[in-house]
Amino acid sequence: MKIYTKSGDKGMTHFYGGKSIPKDHPIVECYGTVDELNALIGLVLANPLDGGTKKILEDLQYRLFDLGADLAAPFGEPSKSPTEVIRISQEDVSRLEKTIDSLSAVLPTLTHFILPGGTSTAAMLHFARAVCRRAERLFVKASSSHALNPQALIFLNRLSDLLFVLGRSVNYQSGTTEWVWPKAE
């Protein structure tokens, strides 16, 4: 199998199931940003991590592939593909919420906004959160003209929260003090 197909040479790509769409389509922008987020999580995983954080991030990479598949397949339309379309579900959202609650239970209570940063790993997780928020905005934009899985939007929203908490957790585990805003004088 060749890695290049030449099917995108004219600026078009295909939804799962065959429908041709331009590469600057809002849904393509959204799942392209999800792909970017997945690559950024791969970069985080290239750093030393505790086993729990590593497991969470590895699982997220699989869920982000599921999300990309969900976005690439028209929602609410019969599939022309012989295989079933993977969809983000309420169970996926619930898993994120449970993980957020578990991590948050050991972190200091937030009393101020915090600045993204700390260790380089935490800073990358905060960057991943910002990329996730962009994917969420692009999802909303795409959903104004196309039916998309509503659970996928909720998933992106919770995922950005989880990435924020993971950044805090990495800093906390390393003993790195969070910088607060506004700056305490």
Protein backbone atom coordinates (compact mmCIF):
# COMPACT_ATOMS: atom_id res chain seq x y z
CA MET A 1 0.00 0.00 0.00
CA LYS A 2 1.40 3.40 -0.96
CA ILE A 3 1.23 6.26 1.53
CA TYR A 4 0.25 8.73 -1.17
CA THR A 5 -3.04 8.38 -3.02
CA LYS A 6 -3.00 11.60 -5.09
CA SER A 7 -6.71 11.96 -4.32
CA GLY A 8 -6.09 15.23 -2.47
CA ASP A 9 -4.05 16.88 -5.20
CA LYS A 10 -6.96 19.11 -6.21
CA GLY A 11 -7.79 20.27 -2.68
CA MET A 12 -10.52 17.72 -2.02
CA THR A 13 -10.87 14.93 0.51
CA HIS A 14 -13.56 12.39 1.34
CA PHE A 15 -15.91 11.84 4.22
CA TYR A 16 -16.01 8.30 5.54
CA GLY A 17 -18.38 6.67 3.08
CA GLY A 18 -17.19 8.47 -0.02
CA LYS A 19 -18.70 11.98 -0.24
CA SER A 20 -16.10 14.43 -1.62
CA ILE A 21 -15.57 17.75 0.23
CA PRO A 22 -13.00 20.58 0.03
CA LYS A 23 -10.05 20.35 2.42
CA ASP A 24 -10.94 23.74 3.91
CA HIS A 25 -14.42 22.50 4.89
CA PRO A 26 -15.20 23.37 8.55
CA ILE A 27 -15.47 19.70 9.49
CA VAL A 28 -12.06 18.97 7.94
CA GLU A 29 -10.66 21.96 9.88
CA CYS A 30 -12.12 20.46 13.04
CA TYR A 31 -10.84 16.92 12.62
CA GLY A 32 -7.50 18.26 11.40
CA THR A 33 -7.22 20.16 14.69
CA VAL A 34 -8.13 16.97 16.57
CA ASP A 35 -5.26 15.29 14.69
CA GLU A 36 -2.96 18.16 15.70
CA LEU A 37 -4.06 17.68 19.32
CA ASN A 38 -3.31 13.97 19.10
CA ALA A 39 0.19 14.71 17.76
CA LEU A 40 0.74 17.16 20.62
CA ILE A 41 -0.27 14.51 23.14
CA GLY A 42 2.25 12.21 21.44
CA LEU A 43 4.87 14.89 22.10
CA VAL A 44 3.86 15.00 25.77
CA LEU A 45 4.15 11.21 25.91
CA ALA A 46 7.76 11.47 24.69
CA ASN A 47 8.60 13.01 28.10
CA PRO A 48 9.11 11.17 31.38
CA LEU A 49 5.69 10.69 33.01
CA ASP A 50 4.32 8.80 35.96
CA GLY A 51 2.42 5.65 35.04
CA GLY A 52 -1.04 7.08 35.75
CA THR A 53 -0.55 10.16 33.58
CA LYS A 54 0.99 8.09 30.81
CA LYS A 55 -1.97 5.68 30.83
CA ILE A 56 -4.48 8.56 30.69
CA LEU A 57 -2.70 10.15 27.73
CA GLU A 58 -2.29 6.87 25.84
CA ASP A 59 -6.01 6.21 26.23
CA LEU A 60 -6.77 9.75 25.04
CA GLN A 61 -4.84 9.13 21.84
CA TYR A 62 -7.17 6.23 21.01
CA ARG A 63 -10.25 8.30 21.90
CA LEU A 64 -9.00 11.13 19.66
CA PHE A 65 -8.77 8.71 16.74
CA ASP A 66 -12.35 7.68 17.55
CA LEU A 67 -13.34 11.35 17.58
CA GLY A 68 -11.68 11.91 14.21
CA ALA A 69 -13.60 8.97 12.77
CA ASP A 70 -16.83 10.32 14.27
CA LEU A 71 -16.25 13.74 12.69
CA ALA A 72 -15.29 12.25 9.31
CA ALA A 73 -18.54 10.31 9.03
CA PRO A 74 -21.75 12.26 8.42
CA PHE A 75 -23.94 12.13 11.53
CA GLY A 76 -27.52 10.98 11.19
CA GLU A 77 -27.07 9.67 7.66
CA PRO A 78 -26.95 6.01 6.70
CA SER A 79 -23.38 4.89 6.20
CA LYS A 80 -22.30 3.58 2.83
CA SER A 81 -19.35 1.87 4.46
CA PRO A 82 -19.35 -1.86 5.25
CA THR A 83 -17.95 -1.16 8.73
CA GLU A 84 -19.76 0.56 11.58
CA VAL A 85 -18.85 4.19 12.28
CA ILE A 86 -17.22 4.79 15.66
CA ARG A 87 -19.07 7.46 17.65
CA ILE A 88 -18.12 9.27 20.83
CA SER A 89 -20.62 8.31 23.53
CA GLN A 90 -21.85 9.48 26.91
CA GLU A 91 -19.66 6.74 28.40
CA ASP A 92 -16.59 8.39 26.86
CA VAL A 93 -17.61 11.70 28.44
CA SER A 94 -18.24 10.03 31.81
CA ARG A 95 -14.77 8.46 31.79
CA LEU A 96 -13.24 11.90 31.29
CA GLU A 97 -15.32 13.34 34.13
CA LYS A 98 -14.29 10.55 36.51
CA THR A 99 -10.64 11.09 35.65
CA ILE A 100 -10.96 14.85 36.18
CA ASP A 101 -12.63 14.29 39.56
CA SER A 102 -9.98 11.78 40.64
CA LEU A 103 -7.06 14.05 39.72
CA SER A 104 -8.71 17.18 41.14
CA ALA A 105 -9.29 15.53 44.51
CA VAL A 106 -5.56 15.69 45.35
CA LEU A 107 -4.80 19.13 43.86
CA PRO A 108 -4.85 22.40 45.79
CA THR A 109 -8.14 24.28 45.42
CA LEU A 110 -8.06 26.96 42.74
CA THR A 111 -8.49 30.46 44.15
CA HIS A 112 -7.08 32.41 41.18
CA PHE A 113 -6.63 31.94 37.48
CA ILE A 114 -3.32 30.24 36.80
CA LEU A 115 -0.91 30.96 34.00
CA PRO A 116 -0.07 28.07 31.67
CA GLY A 117 3.42 26.80 32.32
CA GLY A 118 5.52 25.26 35.04
CA THR A 119 7.44 22.21 33.90
CA SER A 120 7.90 21.73 30.17
CA THR A 121 5.51 18.76 30.29
CA ALA A 122 2.85 20.79 32.09
CA ALA A 123 3.33 23.64 29.60
CA MET A 124 2.75 21.20 26.72
CA LEU A 125 -0.42 19.96 28.41
CA HIS A 126 -1.64 23.55 28.73
CA PHE A 127 -0.82 24.06 25.04
CA ALA A 128 -2.77 20.87 24.25
CA ARG A 129 -5.71 22.36 26.20
CA ALA A 130 -5.60 25.47 24.00
CA VAL A 131 -5.53 23.32 20.83
CA CYS A 132 -8.48 21.32 22.19
CA ARG A 133 -10.41 24.56 22.76
CA ARG A 134 -9.74 25.52 19.13
CA ALA A 135 -11.11 22.13 18.01
CA GLU A 136 -14.17 22.81 20.15
CA ARG A 137 -14.71 26.23 18.50
CA LEU A 138 -14.28 24.68 15.05
CA PHE A 139 -16.78 21.97 15.98
CA VAL A 140 -19.35 24.62 16.88
CA LYS A 141 -18.68 26.43 13.61
CA ALA A 142 -19.05 23.21 11.59
CA SER A 143 -22.21 22.23 13.45
CA SER A 144 -23.96 25.41 12.32
CA SER A 145 -24.24 23.92 8.83
CA HIS A 146 -23.82 20.15 9.35
CA ALA A 147 -25.25 17.60 11.74
CA LEU A 148 -22.54 16.43 14.15
CA ASN A 149 -22.63 14.09 17.13
CA PRO A 150 -23.56 16.26 20.15
CA GLN A 151 -21.61 13.93 22.46
CA ALA A 152 -18.44 14.81 20.51
CA LEU A 153 -18.80 18.47 21.47
CA ILE A 154 -19.28 17.57 25.14
CA PHE A 155 -16.25 15.26 24.88
CA LEU A 156 -14.07 18.10 23.55
CA ASN A 157 -15.24 20.40 26.32
CA ARG A 158 -14.42 17.85 29.04
CA LEU A 159 -11.16 16.93 27.34
CA SER A 160 -9.93 20.52 27.58
CA ASP A 161 -10.81 20.45 31.29
CA LEU A 162 -8.90 17.19 31.71
CA LEU A 163 -5.82 18.59 29.95
CA PHE A 164 -5.92 21.61 32.27
CA VAL A 165 -6.11 19.36 35.33
CA LEU A 166 -3.34 17.11 33.97
CA GLY A 167 -1.09 20.17 33.55
CA ARG A 168 -1.80 21.16 37.15
CA SER A 169 -1.22 17.58 38.30
CA VAL A 170 2.17 17.32 36.58
CA ASN A 171 3.25 20.57 38.19
CA TYR A 172 1.95 19.48 41.59
CA GLN A 173 3.71 16.10 41.43
CA SER A 174 7.00 17.81 40.57
CA GLY A 175 6.65 20.41 43.34
CA THR A 176 6.43 23.25 40.81
CA THR A 177 4.49 26.27 42.05
CA GLU A 178 1.74 27.52 39.79
CA TRP A 179 1.87 31.17 38.78
CA VAL A 180 -1.37 32.97 39.48
CA TRP A 181 -3.07 35.84 37.71
CA PRO A 182 -3.29 38.61 38.61
CA LYS A 183 0.26 38.65 39.87
CA ALA A 184 0.38 38.94 43.67
CA GLU A 185 2.34 42.04 44.61
